[in-house]
Amino acid sequence: MQRFEPILRRAEERKGGPRALRALLPAVPSRAALAKRGDDRFLAMMCKVVNQAGFAWRVIEQKWPQFEAAFLRFDPRRLARLPPEAWEAYLRDPRVVRHWQRIKALRDNVDFVCAEAERHGSFGRFLSSWPADDQVGLADYLARHGARLGGYSAHRFLRYAGWDAFILTGDVVNALRNAEVEISERPGGKRELRRAQEAFNAWHLETGLPYCHLSKIAALSTGDNLPYARLKAERDAADAR
């Protein structure tokens, strides 16, 4: 497997140098802040990634204030007390996506968040206690115990939630394959995901960079070389999310 230095140099050349590249990197998540974050925010992020899957992201972003109001600011304890007929009523609520499987996923994830919070003190403490070098294991746990949090959705949820996560976008996968990591164009099996994890673990040890920076740099080292201003705007929007 290739070291990370050539990937870093290639990204710097494409984006205009080290300083320009650093300006495109996401904020580094804080484990202490993650542990203190309210359970409602994790439930909100779960709902967002579930609703964005296979849907126009822009539409969900525009409707998000209405989602927050309709779903009681995602307070898991209040939502846990809703009777079945209240959940069914969301199918007639224009503030949300009126799709039963997505609504049911939120209801199921209320139970998931509450269970982990009871076990660990809060959902944030649960996430912050998971080893940084086992994102694939954490994603698998989310898929098995949460609702509609499998595959790409689990990794996006972790990034949104403030966990130091890599995301296997098409460009990141290309960078891994260019570095001679043995994965397919659409890695999905546990063996391939473990190989990706091992590559990021090795690069983390080599560079000391957080996983989210390794992921972003890898993405910027290959694929379409998008304009700097557009990438900077996307980074700022993601940090403000």
Protein backbone atom coordinates (compact mmCIF):
# COMPACT_ATOMS: atom_id res chain seq x y z
CA MET A 1 0.00 0.00 0.00
CA GLN A 2 1.20 3.48 -0.88
CA ARG A 3 2.16 5.92 1.87
CA PHE A 4 0.01 9.02 2.32
CA GLU A 5 2.69 11.58 1.45
CA PRO A 6 2.26 11.26 -2.36
CA ILE A 7 -1.50 11.63 -1.95
CA LEU A 8 -1.01 14.75 0.16
CA ARG A 9 1.43 16.29 -2.36
CA ARG A 10 -0.94 15.58 -5.24
CA ALA A 11 -3.83 17.26 -3.39
CA GLU A 12 -1.67 20.29 -2.60
CA GLU A 13 -0.65 20.66 -6.24
CA ARG A 14 -4.26 20.42 -7.42
CA LYS A 15 -5.62 22.94 -4.91
CA GLY A 16 -2.89 25.59 -5.04
CA GLY A 17 -0.48 24.65 -2.28
CA PRO A 18 -0.47 23.57 1.39
CA ARG A 19 -2.18 26.69 2.72
CA ALA A 20 -5.00 26.53 0.19
CA LEU A 21 -5.53 22.84 0.88
CA ARG A 22 -5.69 23.39 4.65
CA ALA A 23 -8.45 25.96 4.13
CA LEU A 24 -10.60 23.26 2.53
CA LEU A 25 -10.32 20.78 5.40
CA PRO A 26 -13.25 20.31 7.79
CA ALA A 27 -13.14 21.30 11.43
CA VAL A 28 -11.53 18.63 13.60
CA PRO A 29 -14.15 16.96 15.81
CA SER A 30 -13.66 17.11 19.57
CA ARG A 31 -14.31 13.96 21.60
CA ALA A 32 -15.09 16.08 24.65
CA ALA A 33 -17.67 18.10 22.70
CA LEU A 34 -19.10 14.90 21.25
CA ALA A 35 -19.64 13.45 24.72
CA LYS A 36 -21.47 16.61 25.86
CA ARG A 37 -23.75 16.92 22.83
CA GLY A 38 -27.45 16.46 23.50
CA ASP A 39 -29.20 13.23 22.54
CA ASP A 40 -31.68 15.27 20.49
CA ARG A 41 -28.93 16.34 18.08
CA PHE A 42 -27.88 12.77 17.36
CA LEU A 43 -31.47 11.77 16.74
CA ALA A 44 -31.85 14.76 14.41
CA MET A 45 -28.78 13.72 12.43
CA MET A 46 -30.10 10.18 12.12
CA CYS A 47 -33.37 11.52 10.77
CA LYS A 48 -31.58 13.78 8.32
CA VAL A 49 -29.38 11.08 6.78
CA VAL A 50 -32.32 8.68 6.55
CA ASN A 51 -34.42 11.26 4.74
CA GLN A 52 -31.60 12.40 2.46
CA ALA A 53 -30.93 8.85 1.27
CA GLY A 54 -32.36 8.56 -2.23
CA PHE A 55 -33.93 12.03 -1.97
CA ALA A 56 -32.94 15.52 -3.06
CA TRP A 57 -30.65 16.77 -0.28
CA ARG A 58 -31.52 20.40 -1.04
CA VAL A 59 -35.22 19.73 -0.39
CA ILE A 60 -34.50 18.19 3.01
CA GLU A 61 -32.22 21.08 3.97
CA GLN A 62 -34.91 23.60 3.02
CA LYS A 63 -37.57 21.76 4.98
CA TRP A 64 -35.36 21.09 8.00
CA PRO A 65 -36.78 23.83 10.28
CA GLN A 66 -40.20 22.27 9.67
CA PHE A 67 -38.83 18.82 10.53
CA GLU A 68 -37.49 20.23 13.81
CA ALA A 69 -40.86 21.71 14.72
CA ALA A 70 -42.89 18.67 13.68
CA PHE A 71 -40.69 16.20 15.54
CA LEU A 72 -40.59 18.14 18.83
CA ARG A 73 -37.00 19.32 18.32
CA PHE A 74 -36.07 15.63 18.29
CA ASP A 75 -36.32 15.35 22.05
CA PRO A 76 -36.11 11.53 22.38
CA ARG A 77 -37.95 11.41 25.72
CA ARG A 78 -40.92 13.39 24.39
CA LEU A 79 -41.02 11.38 21.17
CA ALA A 80 -40.85 8.12 23.14
CA ARG A 81 -44.16 9.05 24.80
CA LEU A 82 -46.04 9.55 21.53
CA PRO A 83 -48.85 7.01 20.99
CA PRO A 84 -49.01 4.99 17.73
CA GLU A 85 -51.73 7.23 16.29
CA ALA A 86 -49.47 10.29 16.67
CA TRP A 87 -46.76 8.61 14.60
CA GLU A 88 -49.34 7.63 11.98
CA ALA A 89 -50.53 11.25 11.87
CA TYR A 90 -47.15 12.27 10.45
CA LEU A 91 -48.26 10.64 7.20
CA ARG A 92 -50.62 13.61 6.82
CA ASP A 93 -48.17 16.28 8.05
CA PRO A 94 -46.84 18.45 5.17
CA ARG A 95 -43.89 19.59 7.29
CA VAL A 96 -42.10 16.24 6.88
CA VAL A 97 -41.51 13.63 4.20
CA ARG A 98 -44.71 11.60 4.34
CA HIS A 99 -43.14 8.18 3.88
CA TRP A 100 -43.96 5.56 6.51
CA GLN A 101 -40.63 3.71 6.42
CA ARG A 102 -38.74 6.96 7.10
CA ILE A 103 -41.13 7.97 9.87
CA LYS A 104 -40.94 4.48 11.37
CA ALA A 105 -37.11 4.68 11.22
CA LEU A 106 -37.22 7.78 13.41
CA ARG A 107 -39.54 6.05 15.86
CA ASP A 108 -37.19 3.05 16.03
CA ASN A 109 -34.14 5.28 16.40
CA VAL A 110 -35.78 7.01 19.35
CA ASP A 111 -35.64 3.64 21.12
CA PHE A 112 -32.03 3.11 19.99
CA VAL A 113 -30.85 6.51 21.26
CA CYS A 114 -32.69 6.14 24.56
CA ALA A 115 -31.29 2.64 25.12
CA GLU A 116 -27.68 3.69 24.51
CA ALA A 117 -28.11 6.84 26.58
CA GLU A 118 -29.41 4.78 29.49
CA ARG A 119 -26.51 2.35 29.15
CA HIS A 120 -23.72 4.96 28.80
CA GLY A 121 -25.12 8.12 30.37
CA SER A 122 -25.78 9.76 26.98
CA PHE A 123 -25.60 8.83 23.32
CA GLY A 124 -22.64 11.18 22.96
CA ARG A 125 -20.71 9.29 25.61
CA PHE A 126 -21.45 6.06 23.77
CA LEU A 127 -20.01 7.45 20.52
CA SER A 128 -17.03 9.14 22.16
CA SER A 129 -16.03 5.90 23.91
CA TRP A 130 -15.76 3.94 20.65
CA PRO A 131 -12.12 3.52 19.47
CA ALA A 132 -11.16 5.94 16.69
CA ASP A 133 -9.45 3.18 14.72
CA ASP A 134 -12.63 1.08 14.44
CA GLN A 135 -15.07 3.21 12.47
CA VAL A 136 -16.12 0.16 10.46
CA GLY A 137 -17.07 -1.64 13.66
CA LEU A 138 -19.06 1.36 14.87
CA ALA A 139 -20.84 1.67 11.53
CA ASP A 140 -21.73 -2.02 11.71
CA TYR A 141 -23.12 -1.50 15.23
CA LEU A 142 -25.26 1.41 14.00
CA ALA A 143 -26.57 -0.70 11.13
CA ARG A 144 -27.48 -3.61 13.41
CA HIS A 145 -29.05 -1.65 16.26
CA GLY A 146 -30.33 1.49 14.55
CA ALA A 147 -32.92 1.82 11.78
CA ARG A 148 -31.94 2.51 8.16
CA LEU A 149 -28.40 3.40 9.24
CA GLY A 150 -26.58 0.87 7.10
CA GLY A 151 -23.92 1.43 4.46
CA TYR A 152 -23.07 5.00 3.46
CA SER A 153 -25.71 6.45 5.82
CA ALA A 154 -23.83 5.27 8.92
CA HIS A 155 -20.59 6.97 7.88
CA ARG A 156 -22.38 10.19 6.95
CA PHE A 157 -24.21 10.17 10.26
CA LEU A 158 -20.90 9.87 12.12
CA ARG A 159 -19.42 12.82 10.20
CA TYR A 160 -22.56 14.93 10.78
CA ALA A 161 -22.63 13.96 14.45
CA GLY A 162 -19.07 15.15 15.08
CA TRP A 163 -17.22 11.83 15.13
CA ASP A 164 -13.81 11.84 13.42
CA ALA A 165 -14.95 9.85 10.39
CA PHE A 166 -13.77 9.09 6.89
CA ILE A 167 -16.39 8.76 4.17
CA LEU A 168 -16.00 6.38 1.24
CA THR A 169 -17.14 8.69 -1.54
CA GLY A 170 -16.28 7.79 -5.10
CA ASP A 171 -13.16 9.99 -5.06
CA VAL A 172 -11.96 8.55 -1.74
CA VAL A 173 -12.41 5.03 -3.08
CA ASN A 174 -10.44 6.00 -6.20
CA ALA A 175 -7.64 7.35 -4.00
CA LEU A 176 -7.58 4.11 -2.02
CA ARG A 177 -7.49 2.01 -5.17
CA ASN A 178 -4.74 4.23 -6.63
CA ALA A 179 -2.79 3.59 -3.41
CA GLU A 180 -3.10 -0.16 -4.13
CA VAL A 181 -5.64 -0.91 -1.43
CA GLU A 182 -7.50 -4.00 -2.61
CA ILE A 183 -11.10 -2.84 -2.72
CA SER A 184 -13.70 -2.65 -5.46
CA GLU A 185 -15.19 0.50 -6.95
CA ARG A 186 -18.14 0.11 -4.56
CA PRO A 187 -16.79 -1.51 -1.40
CA GLY A 188 -19.54 -2.99 0.70
CA GLY A 189 -18.45 -6.28 2.21
CA LYS A 190 -16.84 -6.44 5.63
CA ARG A 191 -13.50 -7.59 4.19
CA GLU A 192 -13.24 -4.59 1.86
CA LEU A 193 -14.36 -2.15 4.53
CA ARG A 194 -11.75 -3.53 6.90
CA ARG A 195 -9.08 -3.00 4.24
CA ALA A 196 -10.17 0.63 3.89
CA GLN A 197 -10.06 0.99 7.68
CA GLU A 198 -6.56 -0.51 7.83
CA ALA A 199 -5.39 1.95 5.17
CA PHE A 200 -6.75 4.94 7.08
CA ASN A 201 -5.30 3.62 10.34
CA ALA A 202 -1.87 3.33 8.71
CA TRP A 203 -2.12 6.83 7.23
CA HIS A 204 -3.22 8.21 10.60
CA LEU A 205 -0.15 6.70 12.26
CA GLU A 206 2.08 7.98 9.45
CA THR A 207 0.83 11.58 9.47
CA GLY A 208 -0.92 12.20 12.79
CA LEU A 209 -3.79 13.73 10.81
CA PRO A 210 -7.39 13.17 11.91
CA TYR A 211 -9.41 10.72 9.84
CA CYS A 212 -11.72 13.43 8.47
CA HIS A 213 -8.69 15.29 7.08
CA LEU A 214 -7.21 12.15 5.57
CA SER A 215 -10.54 11.46 3.90
CA LYS A 216 -10.90 14.97 2.51
CA ILE A 217 -7.32 15.13 1.26
CA ALA A 218 -7.71 11.75 -0.42
CA ALA A 219 -10.88 12.99 -2.14
CA LEU A 220 -9.15 16.16 -3.35
CA SER A 221 -6.21 14.20 -4.75
CA THR A 222 -8.26 12.62 -7.51
CA GLY A 223 -11.41 13.05 -9.62
CA ASP A 224 -12.71 16.35 -10.99
CA ASN A 225 -10.60 19.30 -9.88
CA LEU A 226 -13.48 21.54 -8.81
CA PRO A 227 -12.98 25.31 -8.37
CA TYR A 228 -11.53 26.36 -5.02
CA ALA A 229 -14.36 28.81 -4.26
CA ARG A 230 -17.02 26.14 -4.67
CA LEU A 231 -15.17 23.68 -2.44
CA LYS A 232 -14.59 26.36 0.20
CA ALA A 233 -18.31 27.22 0.24
CA GLU A 234 -19.20 23.53 0.63
CA ARG A 235 -16.71 23.17 3.49
CA ASP A 236 -18.12 26.22 5.29
CA ALA A 237 -21.68 24.94 4.87
CA ALA A 238 -20.73 21.53 6.25
CA ASP A 239 -19.02 23.05 9.28
CA ALA A 240 -22.08 25.18 10.00
CA ARG A 241 -24.42 22.18 9.81
